[in-house]
Amino acid sequence: MGTRPDVDESLTLEQIEDCRWGGPPADATRLVKTVYELRHKPVSAMDTEDLRVLLLQQESVDVLVPVALTHLERNPLAEGDFYPGDLLVAVLKIPGTYWQQHPDQHRRASAVVGAVEALGNLEDHDAPDDTISHQINAFRS
């Protein structure tokens, strides 16, 4: 269960969306340059950090949320560059309108949240309990 069934994850975001951005502006920040670079990377080759960065930028959400959920179903506290659970926080920050339009993915995200809550105190897993709990509460409201 990765992206939408019609998405070939061996393709890049530019290929999937048929939208070429070209190169980043000359004065682009490191973050903007990273986003541009990641749009050229096959979705199947993206790691947890790549997904975290793109989702926090609300980039290619329709393609990447299902991929991120698959990662989280395997490891609810999947970690990018910051802390265990940082991918979950990025996913839970996706706007509520997305979840309303994708109830199947909302159910998957809710199941991941349940798995995280079953872990108890997240500090015992080196994860920031307050940060993750706050985002879980925001997701539910």
C-alpha atoms as a PDB file:
ATOM      1  CA  MET A   1       0.000   0.000   0.000  1.00  0.00           C
ATOM      2  CA  GLY A   2       2.008   2.948  -1.230  1.00  0.00           C
ATOM      3  CA  THR A   3       0.776   5.804  -3.336  1.00  0.00           C
ATOM      4  CA  ARG A   4      -2.461   5.848  -5.271  1.00  0.00           C
ATOM      5  CA  PRO A   5      -2.808   2.627  -7.299  1.00  0.00           C
ATOM      6  CA  ASP A   6      -2.257   4.523 -10.553  1.00  0.00           C
ATOM      7  CA  VAL A   7       1.079   6.021  -9.450  1.00  0.00           C
ATOM      8  CA  ASP A   8       4.330   4.424 -10.582  1.00  0.00           C
ATOM      9  CA  GLU A   9       6.713   5.014  -7.676  1.00  0.00           C
ATOM     10  CA  SER A  10       9.727   4.458  -9.919  1.00  0.00           C
ATOM     11  CA  LEU A  11       8.961   7.879 -11.401  1.00  0.00           C
ATOM     12  CA  THR A  12       9.893  11.282 -10.008  1.00  0.00           C
ATOM     13  CA  LEU A  13       7.348  13.808  -8.774  1.00  0.00           C
ATOM     14  CA  GLU A  14       7.960  15.856 -11.907  1.00  0.00           C
ATOM     15  CA  GLN A  15       7.118  12.840 -14.050  1.00  0.00           C
ATOM     16  CA  ILE A  16       4.082  11.780 -12.005  1.00  0.00           C
ATOM     17  CA  GLU A  17       2.608  15.273 -11.941  1.00  0.00           C
ATOM     18  CA  ASP A  18       3.792  16.138 -15.458  1.00  0.00           C
ATOM     19  CA  CYS A  19       5.035  19.447 -14.124  1.00  0.00           C
ATOM     20  CA  ARG A  20       8.638  20.494 -14.708  1.00  0.00           C
ATOM     21  CA  TRP A  21       9.962  23.206 -12.441  1.00  0.00           C
ATOM     22  CA  GLY A  22      13.419  23.432 -13.956  1.00  0.00           C
ATOM     23  CA  GLY A  23      16.199  24.564 -11.646  1.00  0.00           C
ATOM     24  CA  PRO A  24      15.773  26.550  -8.444  1.00  0.00           C
ATOM     25  CA  PRO A  25      16.127  30.334  -8.520  1.00  0.00           C
ATOM     26  CA  ALA A  26      19.693  31.599  -8.157  1.00  0.00           C
ATOM     27  CA  ASP A  27      18.924  33.117  -4.751  1.00  0.00           C
ATOM     28  CA  ALA A  28      17.030  30.068  -3.440  1.00  0.00           C
ATOM     29  CA  THR A  29      17.461  29.001   0.148  1.00  0.00           C
ATOM     30  CA  ARG A  30      18.878  25.584   0.962  1.00  0.00           C
ATOM     31  CA  LEU A  31      15.377  24.334   1.714  1.00  0.00           C
ATOM     32  CA  VAL A  32      14.048  25.489  -1.656  1.00  0.00           C
ATOM     33  CA  LYS A  33      17.018  23.909  -3.429  1.00  0.00           C
ATOM     34  CA  THR A  34      16.355  20.654  -1.567  1.00  0.00           C
ATOM     35  CA  VAL A  35      12.693  20.643  -2.613  1.00  0.00           C
ATOM     36  CA  TYR A  36      13.678  21.213  -6.242  1.00  0.00           C
ATOM     37  CA  GLU A  37      16.230  18.384  -6.041  1.00  0.00           C
ATOM     38  CA  LEU A  38      13.759  15.976  -4.444  1.00  0.00           C
ATOM     39  CA  ARG A  39      11.275  16.527  -7.248  1.00  0.00           C
ATOM     40  CA  HIS A  40      13.875  14.848  -9.500  1.00  0.00           C
ATOM     41  CA  LYS A  41      14.280  11.785  -7.261  1.00  0.00           C
ATOM     42  CA  PRO A  42      12.184   8.651  -7.875  1.00  0.00           C
ATOM     43  CA  VAL A  43       9.471   8.377  -5.219  1.00  0.00           C
ATOM     44  CA  SER A  44      10.564   4.815  -4.439  1.00  0.00           C
ATOM     45  CA  ALA A  45      14.065   6.120  -3.590  1.00  0.00           C
ATOM     46  CA  MET A  46      12.848   8.749  -1.132  1.00  0.00           C
ATOM     47  CA  ASP A  47      13.772   8.141   2.478  1.00  0.00           C
ATOM     48  CA  THR A  48      12.035   9.285   5.643  1.00  0.00           C
ATOM     49  CA  GLU A  49      13.792  12.651   5.659  1.00  0.00           C
ATOM     50  CA  ASP A  50      12.893  13.347   2.022  1.00  0.00           C
ATOM     51  CA  LEU A  51       9.232  12.664   2.767  1.00  0.00           C
ATOM     52  CA  ARG A  52       9.337  14.780   5.924  1.00  0.00           C
ATOM     53  CA  VAL A  53      10.833  17.766   4.112  1.00  0.00           C
ATOM     54  CA  LEU A  54       8.410  17.623   1.194  1.00  0.00           C
ATOM     55  CA  LEU A  55       5.327  17.109   3.335  1.00  0.00           C
ATOM     56  CA  LEU A  56       6.211  19.958   5.685  1.00  0.00           C
ATOM     57  CA  GLN A  57       6.373  22.125   2.563  1.00  0.00           C
ATOM     58  CA  GLN A  58       2.950  20.739   1.511  1.00  0.00           C
ATOM     59  CA  GLU A  59       4.570  19.522  -1.703  1.00  0.00           C
ATOM     60  CA  SER A  60       2.967  16.719  -3.761  1.00  0.00           C
ATOM     61  CA  VAL A  61       0.747  15.745  -0.851  1.00  0.00           C
ATOM     62  CA  ASP A  62      -1.557  13.540  -2.957  1.00  0.00           C
ATOM     63  CA  VAL A  63       1.393  11.423  -4.030  1.00  0.00           C
ATOM     64  CA  LEU A  64       3.475  11.434  -0.859  1.00  0.00           C
ATOM     65  CA  VAL A  65       1.002  11.018   2.012  1.00  0.00           C
ATOM     66  CA  PRO A  66       0.217   7.406   1.055  1.00  0.00           C
ATOM     67  CA  VAL A  67       3.959   6.666   0.801  1.00  0.00           C
ATOM     68  CA  ALA A  68       4.596   8.256   4.196  1.00  0.00           C
ATOM     69  CA  LEU A  69       1.714   6.301   5.729  1.00  0.00           C
ATOM     70  CA  THR A  70       3.261   3.069   4.485  1.00  0.00           C
ATOM     71  CA  HIS A  71       6.521   4.030   6.235  1.00  0.00           C
ATOM     72  CA  LEU A  72       4.618   4.891   9.405  1.00  0.00           C
ATOM     73  CA  GLU A  73       2.620   1.673   9.362  1.00  0.00           C
ATOM     74  CA  ARG A  74       5.939  -0.186   9.469  1.00  0.00           C
ATOM     75  CA  ASN A  75       7.463   2.134  12.055  1.00  0.00           C
ATOM     76  CA  PRO A  76       5.112   4.681  13.686  1.00  0.00           C
ATOM     77  CA  LEU A  77       8.098   6.634  15.012  1.00  0.00           C
ATOM     78  CA  ALA A  78       9.989   6.710  11.707  1.00  0.00           C
ATOM     79  CA  GLU A  79      12.740   9.285  12.019  1.00  0.00           C
ATOM     80  CA  GLY A  80      14.103  11.795   9.551  1.00  0.00           C
ATOM     81  CA  ASP A  81      16.946  14.079  10.605  1.00  0.00           C
ATOM     82  CA  PHE A  82      15.412  15.428  13.809  1.00  0.00           C
ATOM     83  CA  TYR A  83      13.769  12.949  16.176  1.00  0.00           C
ATOM     84  CA  PRO A  84      11.808   9.714  16.309  1.00  0.00           C
ATOM     85  CA  GLY A  85       8.308  10.551  15.118  1.00  0.00           C
ATOM     86  CA  ASP A  86       9.227  13.577  13.003  1.00  0.00           C
ATOM     87  CA  LEU A  87       7.666  12.008   9.900  1.00  0.00           C
ATOM     88  CA  LEU A  88       4.431  11.427  11.811  1.00  0.00           C
ATOM     89  CA  VAL A  89       4.381  15.071  12.880  1.00  0.00           C
ATOM     90  CA  ALA A  90       4.821  16.149   9.240  1.00  0.00           C
ATOM     91  CA  VAL A  91       1.968  13.886   8.112  1.00  0.00           C
ATOM     92  CA  LEU A  92      -0.345  15.057  10.873  1.00  0.00           C
ATOM     93  CA  LYS A  93       0.266  18.687   9.848  1.00  0.00           C
ATOM     94  CA  ILE A  94      -1.412  18.061   6.500  1.00  0.00           C
ATOM     95  CA  PRO A  95      -4.539  20.273   6.389  1.00  0.00           C
ATOM     96  CA  GLY A  96      -7.872  18.820   7.476  1.00  0.00           C
ATOM     97  CA  THR A  97      -9.338  19.377   4.025  1.00  0.00           C
ATOM     98  CA  TYR A  98      -6.957  16.747   2.655  1.00  0.00           C
ATOM     99  CA  TRP A  99      -8.084  14.201   5.224  1.00  0.00           C
ATOM    100  CA  GLN A 100     -11.745  14.976   4.507  1.00  0.00           C
ATOM    101  CA  GLN A 101     -11.141  14.239   0.820  1.00  0.00           C
ATOM    102  CA  HIS A 102      -9.181  11.049   1.592  1.00  0.00           C
ATOM    103  CA  PRO A 103     -11.064   9.153   4.321  1.00  0.00           C
ATOM    104  CA  ASP A 104      -9.165   5.920   3.619  1.00  0.00           C
ATOM    105  CA  GLN A 105      -5.875   7.678   4.323  1.00  0.00           C
ATOM    106  CA  HIS A 106      -7.390   9.361   7.365  1.00  0.00           C
ATOM    107  CA  ARG A 107      -8.222   5.905   8.712  1.00  0.00           C
ATOM    108  CA  ARG A 108      -4.647   4.770   8.061  1.00  0.00           C
ATOM    109  CA  ALA A 109      -3.246   7.845   9.821  1.00  0.00           C
ATOM    110  CA  SER A 110      -5.625   7.294  12.750  1.00  0.00           C
ATOM    111  CA  ALA A 111      -4.408   3.692  13.056  1.00  0.00           C
ATOM    112  CA  VAL A 112      -0.802   4.928  13.164  1.00  0.00           C
ATOM    113  CA  VAL A 113      -1.776   7.441  15.850  1.00  0.00           C
ATOM    114  CA  GLY A 114      -3.329   4.589  17.836  1.00  0.00           C
ATOM    115  CA  ALA A 115      -0.114   2.589  17.518  1.00  0.00           C
ATOM    116  CA  VAL A 116       1.912   5.567  18.765  1.00  0.00           C
ATOM    117  CA  GLU A 117      -0.408   6.105  21.713  1.00  0.00           C
ATOM    118  CA  ALA A 118      -0.090   2.415  22.601  1.00  0.00           C
ATOM    119  CA  LEU A 119       3.653   2.993  23.070  1.00  0.00           C
ATOM    120  CA  GLY A 120       2.940   4.996  26.214  1.00  0.00           C
ATOM    121  CA  ASN A 121       5.357   7.740  27.198  1.00  0.00           C
ATOM    122  CA  LEU A 122       7.209   8.569  24.004  1.00  0.00           C
ATOM    123  CA  GLU A 123      10.169   9.936  25.943  1.00  0.00           C
ATOM    124  CA  ASP A 124      10.940   6.265  26.669  1.00  0.00           C
ATOM    125  CA  HIS A 125      11.473   5.921  22.888  1.00  0.00           C
ATOM    126  CA  ASP A 126      13.633   9.064  22.654  1.00  0.00           C
ATOM    127  CA  ALA A 127      10.720  10.877  20.990  1.00  0.00           C
ATOM    128  CA  PRO A 128       9.396  14.281  22.110  1.00  0.00           C
ATOM    129  CA  ASP A 129       6.130  13.312  23.797  1.00  0.00           C
ATOM    130  CA  ASP A 130       4.810  16.891  24.035  1.00  0.00           C
ATOM    131  CA  THR A 131       5.460  17.702  20.373  1.00  0.00           C
ATOM    132  CA  ILE A 132       3.915  14.508  19.046  1.00  0.00           C
ATOM    133  CA  SER A 133       0.964  14.574  21.459  1.00  0.00           C
ATOM    134  CA  HIS A 134       0.238  18.186  20.515  1.00  0.00           C
ATOM    135  CA  GLN A 135       0.179  17.277  16.816  1.00  0.00           C
ATOM    136  CA  ILE A 136      -2.012  14.220  17.465  1.00  0.00           C
ATOM    137  CA  ASN A 137      -4.520  16.444  19.284  1.00  0.00           C
ATOM    138  CA  ALA A 138      -4.486  18.969  16.433  1.00  0.00           C
ATOM    139  CA  PHE A 139      -5.036  16.169  13.899  1.00  0.00           C
ATOM    140  CA  ARG A 140      -8.053  14.923  15.841  1.00  0.00           C
ATOM    141  CA  SER A 141      -9.698  18.337  16.168  1.00  0.00           C
END
